Amino acid sequence: MAENKIITEERVQKYISITLQARSKATPNKLSNDDQKRLDSMMRMCDDYFSDAKHFLNNGDLVRAFGAINYSHAWIDAAVRIGFMDGHGDDILFTLP
């Protein structure tokens, strides 16, 4: 089986690291109260999926851990993409608008 088709603990850890980088790099833009509530909800989802990824990883469920960490990153990426957060020009960590 090709290496890029195998989910390993190291691969999950790599994506956890990438998501941590994205979470610390993205900063909130000035938003209306309603949009700030939306961003808060998005970041709660990001953090919940991040927590799920670590839980699954600690329990040896690499498939669910990999899925959860990618969902976590997607919430940050979406917040940057729609302009709720600033990705500071990083087109590696984010899909910039």
N, C-alpha and C. Protein backbone atom coordinates (compact mmCIF):
# COMPACT_ATOMS: atom_id res chain seq x y z
N MET A 1 0.85 -1.18 0.00
CA MET A 1 0.00 0.00 0.00
C MET A 1 0.89 1.24 0.00
N ALA A 2 0.51 2.22 -0.78
CA ALA A 2 1.29 3.45 -0.85
C ALA A 2 1.28 4.16 0.49
N GLU A 3 2.41 4.77 0.84
CA GLU A 3 2.57 5.45 2.12
C GLU A 3 1.54 6.55 2.33
N ASN A 4 1.17 7.24 1.27
CA ASN A 4 0.22 8.35 1.41
C ASN A 4 -1.22 7.88 1.60
N LYS A 5 -1.42 6.59 1.68
CA LYS A 5 -2.76 6.05 1.90
C LYS A 5 -2.90 5.44 3.29
N ILE A 6 -1.90 5.63 4.13
CA ILE A 6 -1.91 5.06 5.47
C ILE A 6 -1.98 6.18 6.50
N ILE A 7 -2.91 6.05 7.41
CA ILE A 7 -3.00 7.01 8.51
C ILE A 7 -2.17 6.46 9.67
N THR A 8 -1.14 7.21 10.01
CA THR A 8 -0.27 6.81 11.11
C THR A 8 -0.40 7.81 12.25
N GLU A 9 0.08 7.42 13.42
CA GLU A 9 0.10 8.34 14.55
C GLU A 9 0.92 9.57 14.20
N GLU A 10 2.03 9.38 13.51
CA GLU A 10 2.89 10.50 13.13
C GLU A 10 2.15 11.46 12.20
N ARG A 11 1.38 10.92 11.28
CA ARG A 11 0.63 11.77 10.36
C ARG A 11 -0.43 12.58 11.11
N VAL A 12 -1.13 11.95 12.04
CA VAL A 12 -2.12 12.67 12.84
C VAL A 12 -1.43 13.75 13.67
N GLN A 13 -0.29 13.42 14.27
CA GLN A 13 0.46 14.41 15.06
C GLN A 13 0.89 15.59 14.19
N LYS A 14 1.29 15.30 12.95
CA LYS A 14 1.69 16.37 12.03
C LYS A 14 0.53 17.33 11.80
N TYR A 15 -0.67 16.80 11.57
CA TYR A 15 -1.83 17.67 11.33
C TYR A 15 -2.29 18.37 12.59
N ILE A 16 -2.10 17.76 13.74
CA ILE A 16 -2.37 18.45 15.00
C ILE A 16 -1.45 19.66 15.11
N SER A 17 -0.18 19.47 14.79
CA SER A 17 0.78 20.57 14.84
C SER A 17 0.41 21.69 13.86
N ILE A 18 0.03 21.33 12.66
CA ILE A 18 -0.36 22.32 11.66
C ILE A 18 -1.59 23.10 12.13
N THR A 19 -2.53 22.40 12.72
CA THR A 19 -3.74 23.06 13.21
C THR A 19 -3.43 23.99 14.38
N LEU A 20 -2.53 23.58 15.25
CA LEU A 20 -2.10 24.47 16.33
C LEU A 20 -1.46 25.73 15.78
N GLN A 21 -0.64 25.59 14.73
CA GLN A 21 -0.03 26.76 14.10
C GLN A 21 -1.10 27.69 13.55
N ALA A 22 -2.08 27.12 12.87
CA ALA A 22 -3.15 27.92 12.28
C ALA A 22 -3.97 28.61 13.37
N ARG A 23 -4.25 27.89 14.45
CA ARG A 23 -5.07 28.45 15.54
C ARG A 23 -4.36 29.63 16.19
N SER A 24 -3.04 29.54 16.30
CA SER A 24 -2.31 30.64 16.94
C SER A 24 -2.01 31.79 15.97
N LYS A 25 -1.97 31.50 14.68
CA LYS A 25 -1.65 32.55 13.70
C LYS A 25 -2.86 33.41 13.34
N ALA A 26 -4.00 32.79 13.18
CA ALA A 26 -5.20 33.53 12.78
C ALA A 26 -5.67 34.41 13.93
N THR A 27 -5.97 35.66 13.61
CA THR A 27 -6.45 36.58 14.63
C THR A 27 -7.79 37.16 14.19
N PRO A 28 -8.67 37.41 15.16
CA PRO A 28 -9.99 37.93 14.81
C PRO A 28 -9.91 39.32 14.19
N ASN A 29 -10.73 39.54 13.19
CA ASN A 29 -10.90 40.87 12.63
C ASN A 29 -11.93 41.61 13.47
N LYS A 30 -11.99 42.92 13.30
CA LYS A 30 -13.02 43.71 13.99
C LYS A 30 -14.36 43.32 13.36
N LEU A 31 -15.28 42.87 14.22
CA LEU A 31 -16.55 42.33 13.73
C LEU A 31 -17.72 42.97 14.46
N SER A 32 -18.87 42.91 13.83
CA SER A 32 -20.11 43.31 14.50
C SER A 32 -20.37 42.31 15.63
N ASN A 33 -21.25 42.65 16.53
CA ASN A 33 -21.58 41.73 17.62
C ASN A 33 -22.11 40.41 17.10
N ASP A 34 -22.97 40.45 16.09
CA ASP A 34 -23.52 39.23 15.52
C ASP A 34 -22.43 38.36 14.89
N ASP A 35 -21.55 38.99 14.12
CA ASP A 35 -20.46 38.22 13.50
C ASP A 35 -19.48 37.70 14.54
N GLN A 36 -19.26 38.44 15.61
CA GLN A 36 -18.38 37.96 16.68
C GLN A 36 -18.98 36.70 17.32
N LYS A 37 -20.28 36.69 17.50
CA LYS A 37 -20.94 35.49 18.03
C LYS A 37 -20.78 34.32 17.08
N ARG A 38 -20.88 34.59 15.79
CA ARG A 38 -20.69 33.53 14.78
C ARG A 38 -19.25 33.00 14.84
N LEU A 39 -18.29 33.91 14.93
CA LEU A 39 -16.89 33.50 15.02
C LEU A 39 -16.65 32.69 16.29
N ASP A 40 -17.21 33.14 17.40
CA ASP A 40 -17.05 32.40 18.65
C ASP A 40 -17.58 30.97 18.51
N SER A 41 -18.71 30.84 17.84
CA SER A 41 -19.29 29.52 17.62
C SER A 41 -18.38 28.67 16.73
N MET A 42 -17.83 29.28 15.69
CA MET A 42 -16.92 28.56 14.80
C MET A 42 -15.67 28.09 15.54
N MET A 43 -15.13 28.95 16.39
CA MET A 43 -13.91 28.58 17.12
C MET A 43 -14.19 27.54 18.20
N ARG A 44 -15.42 27.55 18.75
CA ARG A 44 -15.81 26.48 19.67
C ARG A 44 -15.82 25.14 18.94
N MET A 45 -16.36 25.16 17.71
CA MET A 45 -16.36 23.93 16.91
C MET A 45 -14.93 23.49 16.62
N CYS A 46 -14.08 24.44 16.26
CA CYS A 46 -12.67 24.14 16.01
C CYS A 46 -12.06 23.47 17.24
N ASP A 47 -12.26 24.07 18.39
CA ASP A 47 -11.66 23.55 19.62
C ASP A 47 -12.26 22.21 20.02
N ASP A 48 -13.56 22.04 19.81
CA ASP A 48 -14.20 20.76 20.14
C ASP A 48 -13.66 19.64 19.25
N TYR A 49 -13.54 19.90 17.95
CA TYR A 49 -12.99 18.89 17.05
C TYR A 49 -11.52 18.61 17.37
N PHE A 50 -10.78 19.64 17.77
CA PHE A 50 -9.38 19.44 18.18
C PHE A 50 -9.32 18.51 19.39
N SER A 51 -10.17 18.76 20.36
CA SER A 51 -10.24 17.91 21.55
C SER A 51 -10.63 16.48 21.17
N ASP A 52 -11.58 16.35 20.27
CA ASP A 52 -11.99 15.03 19.80
C ASP A 52 -10.82 14.30 19.15
N ALA A 53 -10.06 15.02 18.33
CA ALA A 53 -8.91 14.41 17.64
C ALA A 53 -7.92 13.84 18.66
N LYS A 54 -7.62 14.62 19.68
CA LYS A 54 -6.69 14.15 20.70
C LYS A 54 -7.25 12.95 21.46
N HIS A 55 -8.54 12.99 21.75
CA HIS A 55 -9.20 11.86 22.43
C HIS A 55 -9.09 10.60 21.58
N PHE A 56 -9.46 10.71 20.30
CA PHE A 56 -9.39 9.55 19.42
C PHE A 56 -7.95 9.04 19.28
N LEU A 57 -7.01 9.96 19.16
CA LEU A 57 -5.60 9.57 19.04
C LEU A 57 -5.15 8.82 20.29
N ASN A 58 -5.50 9.34 21.45
CA ASN A 58 -5.12 8.69 22.70
C ASN A 58 -5.74 7.31 22.87
N ASN A 59 -6.86 7.08 22.18
CA ASN A 59 -7.53 5.78 22.24
C ASN A 59 -7.17 4.88 21.05
N GLY A 60 -6.21 5.32 20.25
CA GLY A 60 -5.74 4.50 19.13
C GLY A 60 -6.63 4.50 17.91
N ASP A 61 -7.64 5.36 17.88
CA ASP A 61 -8.55 5.43 16.73
C ASP A 61 -8.02 6.48 15.76
N LEU A 62 -7.07 6.06 14.94
CA LEU A 62 -6.38 6.99 14.05
C LEU A 62 -7.27 7.55 12.96
N VAL A 63 -8.20 6.77 12.47
CA VAL A 63 -9.08 7.24 11.40
C VAL A 63 -9.95 8.39 11.90
N ARG A 64 -10.57 8.21 13.05
CA ARG A 64 -11.42 9.28 13.58
C ARG A 64 -10.56 10.47 14.03
N ALA A 65 -9.38 10.22 14.55
CA ALA A 65 -8.48 11.32 14.95
C ALA A 65 -8.11 12.16 13.73
N PHE A 66 -7.78 11.50 12.64
CA PHE A 66 -7.41 12.21 11.41
C PHE A 66 -8.58 13.02 10.88
N GLY A 67 -9.76 12.43 10.89
CA GLY A 67 -10.94 13.15 10.43
C GLY A 67 -11.23 14.36 11.31
N ALA A 68 -11.16 14.17 12.62
CA ALA A 68 -11.49 15.26 13.54
C ALA A 68 -10.50 16.41 13.44
N ILE A 69 -9.21 16.11 13.29
CA ILE A 69 -8.24 17.20 13.21
C ILE A 69 -8.42 17.98 11.92
N ASN A 70 -8.82 17.31 10.86
CA ASN A 70 -9.07 18.02 9.61
C ASN A 70 -10.32 18.88 9.69
N TYR A 71 -11.35 18.41 10.38
CA TYR A 71 -12.52 19.25 10.63
C TYR A 71 -12.14 20.46 11.47
N SER A 72 -11.32 20.25 12.48
CA SER A 72 -10.88 21.35 13.33
C SER A 72 -10.21 22.43 12.50
N HIS A 73 -9.27 22.03 11.66
CA HIS A 73 -8.56 23.00 10.82
C HIS A 73 -9.52 23.68 9.85
N ALA A 74 -10.48 22.93 9.36
CA ALA A 74 -11.43 23.50 8.40
C ALA A 74 -12.24 24.65 9.01
N TRP A 75 -12.56 24.57 10.30
CA TRP A 75 -13.30 25.66 10.93
C TRP A 75 -12.46 26.93 10.97
N ILE A 76 -11.18 26.80 11.27
CA ILE A 76 -10.30 27.98 11.26
C ILE A 76 -10.19 28.52 9.84
N ASP A 77 -9.96 27.62 8.91
CA ASP A 77 -9.80 28.01 7.51
C ASP A 77 -11.04 28.74 7.01
N ALA A 78 -12.21 28.24 7.37
CA ALA A 78 -13.45 28.88 6.95
C ALA A 78 -13.57 30.28 7.54
N ALA A 79 -13.19 30.43 8.81
CA ALA A 79 -13.25 31.75 9.45
C ALA A 79 -12.34 32.75 8.76
N VAL A 80 -11.17 32.29 8.32
CA VAL A 80 -10.26 33.15 7.57
C VAL A 80 -10.86 33.46 6.19
N ARG A 81 -11.35 32.44 5.55
CA ARG A 81 -11.87 32.58 4.19
C ARG A 81 -13.01 33.58 4.11
N ILE A 82 -13.90 33.58 5.10
CA ILE A 82 -15.06 34.49 5.04
C ILE A 82 -14.76 35.85 5.67
N GLY A 83 -13.54 36.03 6.16
CA GLY A 83 -13.12 37.34 6.64
C GLY A 83 -13.35 37.60 8.12
N PHE A 84 -13.75 36.58 8.87
CA PHE A 84 -13.90 36.77 10.32
C PHE A 84 -12.55 36.82 11.01
N MET A 85 -11.56 36.16 10.41
CA MET A 85 -10.21 36.15 10.97
C MET A 85 -9.21 36.54 9.90
N ASP A 86 -8.08 37.03 10.34
CA ASP A 86 -6.98 37.41 9.46
C ASP A 86 -5.96 36.29 9.47
N GLY A 87 -5.66 35.75 8.29
CA GLY A 87 -4.66 34.70 8.17
C GLY A 87 -3.26 35.25 7.91
N HIS A 88 -3.14 36.56 7.92
CA HIS A 88 -1.85 37.24 7.77
C HIS A 88 -1.08 36.80 6.53
N GLY A 89 -1.81 36.62 5.45
CA GLY A 89 -1.20 36.31 4.17
C GLY A 89 -0.63 34.91 4.03
N ASP A 90 -0.90 34.03 4.98
CA ASP A 90 -0.33 32.68 4.96
C ASP A 90 -1.20 31.77 4.09
N ASP A 91 -0.77 31.56 2.85
CA ASP A 91 -1.54 30.72 1.95
C ASP A 91 -1.14 29.25 2.03
N ILE A 92 -0.32 28.91 3.02
CA ILE A 92 -0.01 27.50 3.30
C ILE A 92 -1.01 26.98 4.34
N LEU A 93 -1.22 27.74 5.40
CA LEU A 93 -2.12 27.32 6.47
C LEU A 93 -3.60 27.57 6.13
N PHE A 94 -3.85 28.53 5.24
CA PHE A 94 -5.22 28.97 5.01
C PHE A 94 -5.54 29.07 3.53
N THR A 95 -6.83 28.95 3.22
CA THR A 95 -7.35 29.27 1.89
C THR A 95 -7.77 30.73 1.97
N LEU A 96 -6.92 31.59 1.49
CA LEU A 96 -7.15 33.03 1.65
C LEU A 96 -8.25 33.51 0.71
N PRO A 97 -8.96 34.57 1.15
CA PRO A 97 -10.04 35.12 0.31
C PRO A 97 -9.48 35.72 -0.97
